[in-house]
Amino acid sequence: MALKIRVQVKTKRKIDIAARLKKRYKREFQNTMRKVGQTGVNNIRSEIKKRYLIHSGDMYDSVNYKMTPHGVRFIVDDPAPFLETGIRRHQMKHLMKAKNPIPVDIANAAFRWATPKSMKDKKWIHPGFRLGKGFMSSSVERTRETVAEDLRKMMTKIF
């Protein structure tokens, strides 16, 4: 039969160990999270460049990170979610609401209107993107792998 012993230590003042550790290692934790964020931004930018996802530099420049209480959040502007998950081929019916002609070829100054007839004739079709390019998920995974050692070192200092 196993012997069970319970030891209780009563003190007059309460010591919040988590708060003490947080206070002591706050700067080191923030520096590590900044490094995680910057590494992630660099990885996402390299994936965008490597896969030739979009020709303008707007999405490349819009990659950023934000430190949250729970970790790091990566932020990329508009076309990124569509490139990540893909979109199916569809007719652009929202162009019917355009108040001005739509530029088709700027070099030759060609403009068109989206009309109900052109919609019936199956024009104004968006070609879509292939499903699951996965540039965000693969770059975040690569960031996790490269920064894991730094996080381990920081945790061994704390605990």
Protein backbone atom coordinates (compact mmCIF):
# COMPACT_ATOMS: atom_id res chain seq x y z
CA MET A 1 0.00 0.00 0.00
CA ALA A 2 1.44 3.35 -1.10
CA LEU A 3 1.86 6.05 1.47
CA LYS A 4 0.46 9.44 0.48
CA ILE A 5 1.78 12.58 2.06
CA ARG A 6 0.44 16.05 1.46
CA VAL A 7 2.58 19.00 2.44
CA GLN A 8 1.08 22.45 2.73
CA VAL A 9 3.07 25.55 3.37
CA LYS A 10 1.21 28.58 4.57
CA THR A 11 2.65 32.02 4.18
CA LYS A 12 1.31 35.36 5.21
CA ARG A 13 1.84 37.02 1.85
CA LYS A 14 0.90 35.47 -1.44
CA ILE A 15 3.57 35.18 -4.10
CA ASP A 16 2.33 35.12 -7.66
CA ILE A 17 5.10 33.20 -9.40
CA ALA A 18 3.69 33.72 -12.89
CA ALA A 19 3.54 37.49 -12.40
CA ARG A 20 7.08 37.56 -11.02
CA LEU A 21 8.42 35.57 -13.99
CA LYS A 22 6.49 37.73 -16.42
CA LYS A 23 7.91 40.87 -14.90
CA ARG A 24 11.47 39.57 -14.77
CA TYR A 25 11.60 38.14 -18.29
CA LYS A 26 9.24 40.55 -20.05
CA ARG A 27 11.95 42.24 -22.09
CA GLU A 28 13.50 38.95 -23.17
CA PHE A 29 10.09 37.55 -24.13
CA GLN A 30 9.27 40.66 -26.16
CA ASN A 31 12.63 40.54 -27.95
CA THR A 32 12.07 36.89 -28.82
CA MET A 33 8.56 37.62 -30.12
CA ARG A 34 9.92 40.49 -32.21
CA LYS A 35 12.47 38.11 -33.68
CA VAL A 36 9.69 35.60 -34.43
CA GLY A 37 7.68 38.36 -36.14
CA GLN A 38 10.56 39.63 -38.23
CA THR A 39 11.60 36.12 -39.25
CA GLY A 40 8.01 35.36 -40.25
CA VAL A 41 7.74 38.53 -42.32
CA ASN A 42 11.00 37.69 -44.11
CA ASN A 43 9.80 34.13 -44.79
CA ILE A 44 6.43 35.28 -46.17
CA ARG A 45 8.12 37.85 -48.41
CA SER A 46 10.56 35.26 -49.71
CA GLU A 47 7.65 32.90 -50.52
CA ILE A 48 5.83 35.67 -52.40
CA LYS A 49 8.97 36.42 -54.37
CA LYS A 50 9.86 32.76 -54.97
CA ARG A 51 6.42 31.73 -56.25
CA TYR A 52 5.83 34.84 -58.42
CA LEU A 53 2.40 35.23 -56.86
CA ILE A 54 1.63 38.77 -57.92
CA HIS A 55 3.50 41.24 -60.08
CA SER A 56 2.93 44.43 -58.10
CA GLY A 57 4.92 45.11 -54.96
CA ASP A 58 1.83 46.13 -52.98
CA MET A 59 1.30 42.73 -51.36
CA TYR A 60 5.04 42.28 -50.79
CA ASP A 61 5.21 45.64 -48.98
CA SER A 62 2.01 45.02 -47.02
CA VAL A 63 3.42 42.02 -45.09
CA ASN A 64 3.62 42.97 -41.43
CA TYR A 65 3.30 41.47 -37.97
CA LYS A 66 1.54 42.50 -34.79
CA MET A 67 2.42 41.37 -31.29
CA THR A 68 -0.62 40.16 -29.36
CA PRO A 69 -0.91 38.91 -25.76
CA HIS A 70 -1.06 35.35 -27.13
CA GLY A 71 1.82 35.57 -29.60
CA VAL A 72 2.45 37.04 -33.04
CA ARG A 73 -0.13 37.68 -35.78
CA PHE A 74 0.98 38.08 -39.41
CA ILE A 75 -0.92 40.56 -41.57
CA VAL A 76 -0.96 40.58 -45.38
CA ASP A 77 -3.27 42.76 -47.49
CA ASP A 78 -6.06 41.98 -49.89
CA PRO A 79 -5.06 39.45 -52.56
CA ALA A 80 -3.27 37.17 -50.09
CA PRO A 81 -6.35 35.33 -48.70
CA PHE A 82 -7.51 34.57 -52.24
CA LEU A 83 -4.07 33.30 -53.24
CA GLU A 84 -3.85 31.19 -50.08
CA THR A 85 -7.20 29.41 -50.40
CA GLY A 86 -7.85 29.90 -54.12
CA ILE A 87 -11.03 31.13 -55.78
CA ARG A 88 -13.14 29.45 -58.39
CA ARG A 89 -13.81 30.81 -61.85
CA HIS A 90 -16.74 33.22 -61.77
CA GLN A 91 -18.50 35.97 -63.65
CA MET A 92 -17.78 39.46 -62.32
CA LYS A 93 -21.37 40.70 -61.95
CA HIS A 94 -20.31 43.53 -59.69
CA LEU A 95 -18.95 45.31 -62.79
CA MET A 96 -22.55 46.03 -63.83
CA LYS A 97 -22.65 48.70 -61.10
CA ALA A 98 -19.66 50.58 -62.55
CA LYS A 99 -20.44 54.24 -63.23
CA ASN A 100 -17.48 54.73 -65.56
CA PRO A 101 -16.12 52.62 -68.43
CA ILE A 102 -13.75 49.86 -67.35
CA PRO A 103 -10.18 50.05 -68.73
CA VAL A 104 -9.27 46.86 -70.56
CA ASP A 105 -6.02 47.83 -72.24
CA ILE A 106 -4.51 51.04 -70.91
CA ALA A 107 -1.67 51.14 -73.45
CA ASN A 108 -4.13 51.25 -76.37
CA ALA A 109 -6.74 53.27 -74.43
CA ALA A 110 -9.39 50.57 -74.73
CA PHE A 111 -12.40 50.84 -72.42
CA ARG A 112 -15.54 48.67 -72.14
CA TRP A 113 -18.86 48.73 -70.33
CA ALA A 114 -20.27 45.69 -68.56
CA THR A 115 -23.83 45.31 -69.85
CA PRO A 116 -26.54 42.70 -69.29
CA LYS A 117 -25.99 41.50 -72.86
CA SER A 118 -22.25 40.99 -72.31
CA MET A 119 -23.03 39.11 -69.09
CA LYS A 120 -25.43 36.82 -70.99
CA ASP A 121 -22.75 36.17 -73.61
CA LYS A 122 -20.50 34.78 -70.82
CA LYS A 123 -18.06 37.66 -70.92
CA TRP A 124 -16.35 39.29 -67.94
CA ILE A 125 -15.23 35.93 -66.53
CA HIS A 126 -12.55 35.94 -63.82
CA PRO A 127 -10.17 33.02 -64.45
CA GLY A 128 -9.75 32.27 -60.74
CA PHE A 129 -6.71 30.98 -58.90
CA ARG A 130 -5.77 27.38 -58.30
CA LEU A 131 -6.89 26.13 -54.93
CA GLY A 132 -4.38 26.17 -52.10
CA LYS A 133 -1.18 27.85 -53.15
CA GLY A 134 -0.38 27.67 -49.42
CA PHE A 135 2.35 30.29 -49.30
CA MET A 136 1.27 31.64 -45.90
CA SER A 137 0.97 28.29 -44.15
CA SER A 138 4.28 27.00 -45.50
CA SER A 139 6.15 30.17 -44.54
CA VAL A 140 4.64 30.21 -41.03
CA GLU A 141 5.62 26.56 -40.61
CA ARG A 142 9.16 27.39 -41.72
CA THR A 143 9.21 30.24 -39.19
CA ARG A 144 8.16 27.86 -36.41
CA GLU A 145 10.99 25.52 -37.28
CA THR A 146 13.68 28.21 -37.41
CA VAL A 147 12.65 30.01 -34.22
CA ALA A 148 11.94 26.91 -32.10
CA GLU A 149 15.51 26.82 -30.75
CA ASP A 150 15.37 30.45 -29.60
CA LEU A 151 12.09 29.80 -27.81
CA ARG A 152 13.57 26.72 -26.12
CA LYS A 153 16.54 28.74 -24.86
CA MET A 154 14.27 31.43 -23.48
CA MET A 155 12.09 28.87 -21.71
CA THR A 156 15.06 27.14 -20.11
CA LYS A 157 16.13 30.49 -18.64
CA ILE A 158 12.69 31.08 -17.20
CA PHE A 159 12.05 27.62 -15.85
